[in-house]
Amino acid sequence: MSAESLVAWLRESGIECAIEARDRLAIITVATDTPLLRDDGVRREIVTRARAAGFTNVAVEIDTLGGAALSRD
Protein backbone atom coordinates (compact mmCIF):
# COMPACT_ATOMS: atom_id res chain seq x y z
CA MET A 1 0.00 0.00 0.00
CA SER A 2 1.19 3.53 -0.70
CA ALA A 3 0.23 7.03 0.39
CA GLU A 4 -1.76 7.34 -2.85
CA SER A 5 -3.77 4.22 -2.10
CA LEU A 6 -4.37 5.49 1.44
CA VAL A 7 -5.76 8.75 0.01
CA ALA A 8 -7.92 6.76 -2.43
CA TRP A 9 -9.32 4.62 0.39
CA LEU A 10 -10.05 7.70 2.53
CA ARG A 11 -11.85 9.41 -0.35
CA GLU A 12 -13.86 6.27 -1.09
CA SER A 13 -14.80 6.28 2.61
CA GLY A 14 -16.11 9.83 2.27
CA ILE A 15 -13.11 11.68 3.70
CA GLU A 16 -11.79 14.23 1.20
CA CYS A 17 -8.15 14.74 2.05
CA ALA A 18 -4.52 15.04 1.07
CA ILE A 19 -1.51 13.33 2.62
CA GLU A 20 1.90 14.83 3.26
CA ALA A 21 4.58 12.27 4.07
CA ARG A 22 7.38 13.34 6.38
CA ASP A 23 9.68 10.36 6.68
CA ARG A 24 7.40 7.79 8.36
CA LEU A 25 4.79 10.33 9.51
CA ALA A 26 1.58 10.67 7.50
CA ILE A 27 -0.05 14.09 7.87
CA ILE A 28 -3.61 13.76 6.65
CA THR A 29 -5.22 17.12 5.90
CA VAL A 30 -9.00 17.16 5.56
CA ALA A 31 -10.87 20.15 4.19
CA THR A 32 -13.51 20.28 6.91
CA ASP A 33 -14.44 18.48 10.10
CA THR A 34 -16.20 15.30 9.10
CA PRO A 35 -18.36 13.19 11.42
CA LEU A 36 -16.53 10.07 10.17
CA LEU A 37 -13.38 11.20 11.98
CA ARG A 38 -15.28 11.13 15.28
CA ASP A 39 -15.83 7.39 14.92
CA ASP A 40 -13.26 5.33 16.87
CA GLY A 41 -13.47 2.47 14.37
CA VAL A 42 -12.76 4.76 11.42
CA ARG A 43 -9.77 6.30 13.20
CA ARG A 44 -8.40 2.84 14.03
CA GLU A 45 -8.81 1.78 10.40
CA ILE A 46 -6.95 4.92 9.24
CA VAL A 47 -4.03 4.02 11.53
CA THR A 48 -4.09 0.37 10.38
CA ARG A 49 -4.03 1.37 6.71
CA ALA A 50 -1.36 4.00 7.29
CA ARG A 51 0.84 1.37 8.96
CA ALA A 52 0.26 -0.96 6.02
CA ALA A 53 1.49 1.89 3.80
CA GLY A 54 4.72 2.04 5.81
CA PHE A 55 3.93 4.92 8.16
CA THR A 56 4.55 4.63 11.90
CA ASN A 57 2.63 7.76 12.95
CA VAL A 58 -0.47 9.54 11.71
CA ALA A 59 -1.62 13.11 12.31
CA VAL A 60 -4.95 14.50 11.13
CA GLU A 61 -5.14 18.21 10.43
CA ILE A 62 -8.48 19.87 9.81
CA ASP A 63 -7.99 22.71 7.36
CA THR A 64 -10.66 25.20 8.44
CA LEU A 65 -8.82 28.09 6.77
CA GLY A 66 -9.15 26.79 3.23
CA GLY A 67 -5.49 26.09 2.66
CA ALA A 68 -4.13 29.21 4.32
CA ALA A 69 -0.99 28.73 6.31
CA LEU A 70 -1.28 29.11 10.05
CA SER A 71 0.53 32.10 11.47
CA ARG A 72 3.20 31.06 13.90
CA ASP A 73 5.41 33.04 16.25
PDB file of N, CA and C in Angstrom:
ATOM      1  N   MET A   1       0.859  -1.177   0.000  1.00  0.00           N
ATOM      2  CA  MET A   1       0.000   0.000   0.000  1.00  0.00           C
ATOM      3  C   MET A   1       0.895   1.227   0.000  1.00  0.00           C
ATOM      4  N   SER A   2       0.433   2.286  -0.624  1.00  0.00           N
ATOM      5  CA  SER A   2       1.191   3.528  -0.699  1.00  0.00           C
ATOM      6  C   SER A   2       0.348   4.675  -0.155  1.00  0.00           C
ATOM      7  N   ALA A   3       0.979   5.850  -0.063  1.00  0.00           N
ATOM      8  CA  ALA A   3       0.231   7.029   0.386  1.00  0.00           C
ATOM      9  C   ALA A   3      -0.923   7.316  -0.566  1.00  0.00           C
ATOM     10  N   GLU A   4      -0.694   7.092  -1.870  1.00  0.00           N
ATOM     11  CA  GLU A   4      -1.755   7.343  -2.854  1.00  0.00           C
ATOM     12  C   GLU A   4      -2.944   6.413  -2.635  1.00  0.00           C
ATOM     13  N   SER A   5      -2.658   5.146  -2.329  1.00  0.00           N
ATOM     14  CA  SER A   5      -3.774   4.224  -2.102  1.00  0.00           C
ATOM     15  C   SER A   5      -4.482   4.534  -0.791  1.00  0.00           C
ATOM     16  N   LEU A   6      -3.743   5.065   0.187  1.00  0.00           N
ATOM     17  CA  LEU A   6      -4.369   5.490   1.439  1.00  0.00           C
ATOM     18  C   LEU A   6      -5.317   6.653   1.181  1.00  0.00           C
ATOM     19  N   VAL A   7      -4.893   7.622   0.379  1.00  0.00           N
ATOM     20  CA  VAL A   7      -5.764   8.746   0.009  1.00  0.00           C
ATOM     21  C   VAL A   7      -6.997   8.230  -0.728  1.00  0.00           C
ATOM     22  N   ALA A   8      -6.787   7.308  -1.671  1.00  0.00           N
ATOM     23  CA  ALA A   8      -7.915   6.763  -2.433  1.00  0.00           C
ATOM     24  C   ALA A   8      -8.918   6.092  -1.510  1.00  0.00           C
ATOM     25  N   TRP A   9      -8.416   5.286  -0.547  1.00  0.00           N
ATOM     26  CA  TRP A   9      -9.323   4.619   0.391  1.00  0.00           C
ATOM     27  C   TRP A   9     -10.087   5.640   1.225  1.00  0.00           C
ATOM     28  N   LEU A  10      -9.392   6.673   1.729  1.00  0.00           N
ATOM     29  CA  LEU A  10     -10.054   7.697   2.534  1.00  0.00           C
ATOM     30  C   LEU A  10     -11.138   8.404   1.737  1.00  0.00           C
ATOM     31  N   ARG A  11     -10.844   8.742   0.489  1.00  0.00           N
ATOM     32  CA  ARG A  11     -11.846   9.412  -0.351  1.00  0.00           C
ATOM     33  C   ARG A  11     -13.035   8.516  -0.625  1.00  0.00           C
ATOM     34  N   GLU A  12     -12.763   7.216  -0.883  1.00  0.00           N
ATOM     35  CA  GLU A  12     -13.862   6.268  -1.087  1.00  0.00           C
ATOM     36  C   GLU A  12     -14.714   6.135   0.174  1.00  0.00           C
ATOM     37  N   SER A  13     -14.095   6.350   1.321  1.00  0.00           N
ATOM     38  CA  SER A  13     -14.796   6.277   2.606  1.00  0.00           C
ATOM     39  C   SER A  13     -15.544   7.565   2.930  1.00  0.00           C
ATOM     40  N   GLY A  14     -15.410   8.575   2.066  1.00  0.00           N
ATOM     41  CA  GLY A  14     -16.115   9.832   2.274  1.00  0.00           C
ATOM     42  C   GLY A  14     -15.300  10.901   2.964  1.00  0.00           C
ATOM     43  N   ILE A  15     -13.978  10.698   3.059  1.00  0.00           N
ATOM     44  CA  ILE A  15     -13.110  11.681   3.701  1.00  0.00           C
ATOM     45  C   ILE A  15     -12.231  12.310   2.624  1.00  0.00           C
ATOM     46  N   GLU A  16     -12.575  13.515   2.219  1.00  0.00           N
ATOM     47  CA  GLU A  16     -11.794  14.233   1.203  1.00  0.00           C
ATOM     48  C   GLU A  16     -10.540  14.772   1.866  1.00  0.00           C
ATOM     49  N   CYS A  17      -9.376  14.383   1.354  1.00  0.00           N
ATOM     50  CA  CYS A  17      -8.150  14.737   2.046  1.00  0.00           C
ATOM     51  C   CYS A  17      -6.948  14.746   1.120  1.00  0.00           C
ATOM     52  N   ALA A  18      -5.830  15.134   1.698  1.00  0.00           N
ATOM     53  CA  ALA A  18      -4.515  15.041   1.066  1.00  0.00           C
ATOM     54  C   ALA A  18      -3.568  14.506   2.119  1.00  0.00           C
ATOM     55  N   ILE A  19      -2.483  13.861   1.676  1.00  0.00           N
ATOM     56  CA  ILE A  19      -1.506  13.332   2.618  1.00  0.00           C
ATOM     57  C   ILE A  19      -0.141  13.912   2.309  1.00  0.00           C
ATOM     58  N   GLU A  20       0.508  14.387   3.355  1.00  0.00           N
ATOM     59  CA  GLU A  20       1.898  14.829   3.259  1.00  0.00           C
ATOM     60  C   GLU A  20       2.720  13.817   4.049  1.00  0.00           C
ATOM     61  N   ALA A  21       3.716  13.245   3.397  1.00  0.00           N
ATOM     62  CA  ALA A  21       4.578  12.271   4.071  1.00  0.00           C
ATOM     63  C   ALA A  21       5.844  12.970   4.538  1.00  0.00           C
ATOM     64  N   ARG A  22       6.135  12.845   5.802  1.00  0.00           N
ATOM     65  CA  ARG A  22       7.380  13.339   6.381  1.00  0.00           C
ATOM     66  C   ARG A  22       8.071  12.156   7.029  1.00  0.00           C
ATOM     67  N   ASP A  23       9.005  11.587   6.273  1.00  0.00           N
ATOM     68  CA  ASP A  23       9.677  10.360   6.678  1.00  0.00           C
ATOM     69  C   ASP A  23       8.599   9.309   6.900  1.00  0.00           C
ATOM     70  N   ARG A  24       8.399   8.839   8.107  1.00  0.00           N
ATOM     71  CA  ARG A  24       7.398   7.792   8.359  1.00  0.00           C
ATOM     72  C   ARG A  24       6.146   8.345   9.044  1.00  0.00           C
ATOM     73  N   LEU A  25       5.975   9.662   8.971  1.00  0.00           N
ATOM     74  CA  LEU A  25       4.790  10.333   9.507  1.00  0.00           C
ATOM     75  C   LEU A  25       3.857  10.694   8.361  1.00  0.00           C
ATOM     76  N   ALA A  26       2.600  10.303   8.472  1.00  0.00           N
ATOM     77  CA  ALA A  26       1.585  10.675   7.496  1.00  0.00           C
ATOM     78  C   ALA A  26       0.756  11.804   8.088  1.00  0.00           C
ATOM     79  N   ILE A  27       0.786  12.968   7.440  1.00  0.00           N
ATOM     80  CA  ILE A  27      -0.049  14.087   7.867  1.00  0.00           C
ATOM     81  C   ILE A  27      -1.236  14.131   6.916  1.00  0.00           C
ATOM     82  N   ILE A  28      -2.394  13.807   7.443  1.00  0.00           N
ATOM     83  CA  ILE A  28      -3.613  13.759   6.646  1.00  0.00           C
ATOM     84  C   ILE A  28      -4.349  15.065   6.869  1.00  0.00           C
ATOM     85  N   THR A  29      -4.521  15.839   5.804  1.00  0.00           N
ATOM     86  CA  THR A  29      -5.223  17.116   5.895  1.00  0.00           C
ATOM     87  C   THR A  29      -6.596  16.960   5.257  1.00  0.00           C
ATOM     88  N   VAL A  30      -7.627  17.210   6.059  1.00  0.00           N
ATOM     89  CA  VAL A  30      -9.000  17.158   5.560  1.00  0.00           C
ATOM     90  C   VAL A  30      -9.528  18.584   5.457  1.00  0.00           C
ATOM     91  N   ALA A  31     -10.386  18.804   4.465  1.00  0.00           N
ATOM     92  CA  ALA A  31     -10.870  20.154   4.191  1.00  0.00           C
ATOM     93  C   ALA A  31     -11.762  20.690   5.306  1.00  0.00           C
ATOM     94  N   THR A  32     -12.593  19.847   5.856  1.00  0.00           N
ATOM     95  CA  THR A  32     -13.507  20.281   6.915  1.00  0.00           C
ATOM     96  C   THR A  32     -13.659  19.156   7.928  1.00  0.00           C
ATOM     97  N   ASP A  33     -14.166  19.496   9.092  1.00  0.00           N
ATOM     98  CA  ASP A  33     -14.443  18.484  10.100  1.00  0.00           C
ATOM     99  C   ASP A  33     -15.502  17.548   9.535  1.00  0.00           C
ATOM    100  N   THR A  34     -15.246  16.274   9.599  1.00  0.00           N
ATOM    101  CA  THR A  34     -16.203  15.299   9.104  1.00  0.00           C
ATOM    102  C   THR A  34     -16.617  14.378  10.245  1.00  0.00           C
ATOM    103  N   PRO A  35     -17.898  14.066  10.342  1.00  0.00           N
ATOM    104  CA  PRO A  35     -18.358  13.188  11.417  1.00  0.00           C
ATOM    105  C   PRO A  35     -17.661  11.829  11.409  1.00  0.00           C
ATOM    106  N   LEU A  36     -17.213  11.363  10.244  1.00  0.00           N
ATOM    107  CA  LEU A  36     -16.532  10.071  10.173  1.00  0.00           C
ATOM    108  C   LEU A  36     -15.290  10.029  11.057  1.00  0.00           C
ATOM    109  N   LEU A  37     -14.593  11.163  11.180  1.00  0.00           N
ATOM    110  CA  LEU A  37     -13.376  11.197  11.979  1.00  0.00           C
ATOM    111  C   LEU A  37     -13.652  11.103  13.473  1.00  0.00           C
ATOM    112  N   ARG A  38     -14.906  11.262  13.862  1.00  0.00           N
ATOM    113  CA  ARG A  38     -15.277  11.133  15.278  1.00  0.00           C
ATOM    114  C   ARG A  38     -15.520   9.681  15.673  1.00  0.00           C
ATOM    115  N   ASP A  39     -15.574   8.803  14.671  1.00  0.00           N
ATOM    116  CA  ASP A  39     -15.833   7.386  14.919  1.00  0.00           C
ATOM    117  C   ASP A  39     -14.522   6.667  15.253  1.00  0.00           C
ATOM    118  N   ASP A  40     -14.483   6.032  16.438  1.00  0.00           N
ATOM    119  CA  ASP A  40     -13.265   5.328  16.870  1.00  0.00           C
ATOM    120  C   ASP A  40     -12.837   4.256  15.873  1.00  0.00           C
ATOM    121  N   GLY A  41     -13.785   3.533  15.324  1.00  0.00           N
ATOM    122  CA  GLY A  41     -13.474   2.475  14.367  1.00  0.00           C
ATOM    123  C   GLY A  41     -12.836   3.014  13.100  1.00  0.00           C
ATOM    124  N   VAL A  42     -13.326   4.138  12.624  1.00  0.00           N
ATOM    125  CA  VAL A  42     -12.759   4.759  11.422  1.00  0.00           C
ATOM    126  C   VAL A  42     -11.336   5.224  11.702  1.00  0.00           C
ATOM    127  N   ARG A  43     -11.118   5.842  12.856  1.00  0.00           N
ATOM    128  CA  ARG A  43      -9.765   6.301  13.199  1.00  0.00           C
ATOM    129  C   ARG A  43      -8.804   5.130  13.336  1.00  0.00           C
ATOM    130  N   ARG A  44      -9.262   4.032  13.934  1.00  0.00           N
ATOM    131  CA  ARG A  44      -8.399   2.838  14.032  1.00  0.00           C
ATOM    132  C   ARG A  44      -8.065   2.288  12.655  1.00  0.00           C
ATOM    133  N   GLU A  45      -9.037   2.287  11.755  1.00  0.00           N
ATOM    134  CA  GLU A  45      -8.811   1.784  10.397  1.00  0.00           C
ATOM    135  C   GLU A  45      -7.829   2.688   9.641  1.00  0.00           C
ATOM    136  N   ILE A  46      -7.904   3.994   9.868  1.00  0.00           N
ATOM    137  CA  ILE A  46      -6.945   4.919   9.244  1.00  0.00           C
ATOM    138  C   ILE A  46      -5.533   4.582   9.704  1.00  0.00           C
ATOM    139  N   VAL A  47      -5.354   4.358  10.997  1.00  0.00           N
ATOM    140  CA  VAL A  47      -4.027   4.018  11.527  1.00  0.00           C
ATOM    141  C   VAL A  47      -3.554   2.679  10.962  1.00  0.00           C
ATOM    142  N   THR A  48      -4.446   1.688  10.918  1.00  0.00           N
ATOM    143  CA  THR A  48      -4.089   0.372  10.377  1.00  0.00           C
ATOM    144  C   THR A  48      -3.639   0.483   8.930  1.00  0.00           C
ATOM    145  N   ARG A  49      -4.380   1.218   8.125  1.00  0.00           N
ATOM    146  CA  ARG A  49      -4.029   1.366   6.707  1.00  0.00           C
ATOM    147  C   ARG A  49      -2.768   2.198   6.525  1.00  0.00           C
ATOM    148  N   ALA A  50      -2.584   3.194   7.375  1.00  0.00           N
ATOM    149  CA  ALA A  50      -1.358   3.998   7.292  1.00  0.00           C
ATOM    150  C   ALA A  50      -0.141   3.137   7.630  1.00  0.00           C
ATOM    151  N   ARG A  51      -0.270   2.278   8.616  1.00  0.00           N
ATOM    152  CA  ARG A  51       0.837   1.370   8.961  1.00  0.00           C
ATOM    153  C   ARG A  51       1.125   0.410   7.824  1.00  0.00           C
ATOM    154  N   ALA A  52       0.078  -0.073   7.163  1.00  0.00           N
ATOM    155  CA  ALA A  52       0.260  -0.963   6.018  1.00  0.00           C
ATOM    156  C   ALA A  52       0.974  -0.239   4.871  1.00  0.00           C
ATOM    157  N   ALA A  53       0.830   1.082   4.827  1.00  0.00           N
ATOM    158  CA  ALA A  53       1.487   1.886   3.798  1.00  0.00           C
ATOM    159  C   ALA A  53       2.922   2.228   4.190  1.00  0.00           C
ATOM    160  N   GLY A  54       3.352   1.813   5.384  1.00  0.00           N
ATOM    161  CA  GLY A  54       4.722   2.044   5.809  1.00  0.00           C
ATOM    162  C   GLY A  54       4.919   3.192   6.780  1.00  0.00           C
ATOM    163  N   PHE A  55       3.823   3.824   7.203  1.00  0.00           N
ATOM    164  CA  PHE A  55       3.928   4.921   8.158  1.00  0.00           C
ATOM    165  C   PHE A  55       3.889   4.372   9.585  1.00  0.00           C
ATOM    166  N   THR A  56       4.584   5.041  10.498  1.00  0.00           N
ATOM    167  CA  THR A  56       4.549   4.634  11.902  1.00  0.00           C
ATOM    168  C   THR A  56       3.675   5.564  12.733  1.00  0.00           C
ATOM    169  N   ASN A  57       3.435   6.771  12.232  1.00  0.00           N
ATOM    170  CA  ASN A  57       2.631   7.756  12.948  1.00  0.00           C
ATOM    171  C   ASN A  57       1.694   8.453  11.974  1.00  0.00           C
ATOM    172  N   VAL A  58       0.542   8.865  12.521  1.00  0.00           N
ATOM    173  CA  VAL A  58      -0.467   9.543  11.713  1.00  0.00           C
ATOM    174  C   VAL A  58      -0.941  10.779  12.467  1.00  0.00           C
ATOM    175  N   ALA A  59      -1.043  11.893  11.756  1.00  0.00           N
ATOM    176  CA  ALA A  59      -1.624  13.113  12.314  1.00  0.00           C
ATOM    177  C   ALA A  59      -2.736  13.556  11.370  1.00  0.00           C
ATOM    178  N   VAL A  60      -3.842  13.996  11.940  1.00  0.00           N
ATOM    179  CA  VAL A  60      -4.952  14.501  11.128  1.00  0.00           C
ATOM    180  C   VAL A  60      -5.082  15.978  11.406  1.00  0.00           C
ATOM    181  N   GLU A  61      -5.016  16.756  10.337  1.00  0.00           N
ATOM    182  CA  GLU A  61      -5.138  18.213  10.429  1.00  0.00           C
ATOM    183  C   GLU A  61      -6.420  18.623   9.724  1.00  0.00           C
ATOM    184  N   ILE A  62      -7.246  19.378  10.408  1.00  0.00           N
ATOM    185  CA  ILE A  62      -8.482  19.865   9.805  1.00  0.00           C
ATOM    186  C   ILE A  62      -8.230  21.280   9.311  1.00  0.00           C
ATOM    187  N   ASP A  63      -8.309  21.444   8.001  1.00  0.00           N
ATOM    188  CA  ASP A  63      -7.991  22.714   7.364  1.00  0.00           C
ATOM    189  C   ASP A  63      -9.235  23.590   7.312  1.00  0.00           C
ATOM    190  N   THR A  64      -9.476  24.329   8.378  1.00  0.00           N
ATOM    191  CA  THR A  64     -10.655  25.198   8.442  1.00  0.00           C
ATOM    192  C   THR A  64     -10.412  26.550   7.781  1.00  0.00           C
ATOM    193  N   LEU A  65      -9.156  26.791   7.370  1.00  0.00           N
ATOM    194  CA  LEU A  65      -8.818  28.085   6.767  1.00  0.00           C
ATOM    195  C   LEU A  65      -8.746  28.019   5.248  1.00  0.00           C
ATOM    196  N   GLY A  66      -9.137  26.892   4.674  1.00  0.00           N
ATOM    197  CA  GLY A  66      -9.145  26.791   3.225  1.00  0.00           C
ATOM    198  C   GLY A  66      -7.770  26.806   2.594  1.00  0.00           C
ATOM    199  N   GLY A  67      -6.821  26.175   3.231  1.00  0.00           N
ATOM    200  CA  GLY A  67      -5.489  26.086   2.661  1.00  0.00           C
ATOM    201  C   GLY A  67      -4.541  27.179   3.081  1.00  0.00           C
ATOM    202  N   ALA A  68      -5.010  28.119   3.855  1.00  0.00           N
ATOM    203  CA  ALA A  68      -4.134  29.206   4.319  1.00  0.00           C
ATOM    204  C   ALA A  68      -3.184  28.686   5.381  1.00  0.00           C
ATOM    205  N   ALA A  69      -1.975  29.141   5.326  1.00  0.00           N
ATOM    206  CA  ALA A  69      -0.991  28.733   6.315  1.00  0.00           C
ATOM    207  C   ALA A  69      -1.333  29.345   7.670  1.00  0.00           C
ATOM    208  N   LEU A  70      -1.058  28.591   8.714  1.00  0.00           N
ATOM    209  CA  LEU A  70      -1.285  29.113  10.050  1.00  0.00           C
ATOM    210  C   LEU A  70      -0.169  30.074  10.402  1.00  0.00           C
ATOM    211  N   SER A  71      -0.508  31.172  11.033  1.00  0.00           N
ATOM    212  CA  SER A  71       0.534  32.096  11.465  1.00  0.00           C
ATOM    213  C   SER A  71       1.172  31.547  12.731  1.00  0.00           C
ATOM    214  N   ARG A  72       2.485  31.584  12.747  1.00  0.00           N
ATOM    215  CA  ARG A  72       3.205  31.061  13.900  1.00  0.00           C
ATOM    216  C   ARG A  72       4.215  32.094  14.363  1.00  0.00           C
ATOM    217  N   ASP A  73       4.431  32.130  15.682  1.00  0.00           N
ATOM    218  CA  ASP A  73       5.410  33.044  16.249  1.00  0.00           C
ATOM    219  C   ASP A  73       6.770  32.407  16.274  1.00  0.00           C
TER     220      ASP A  73
END
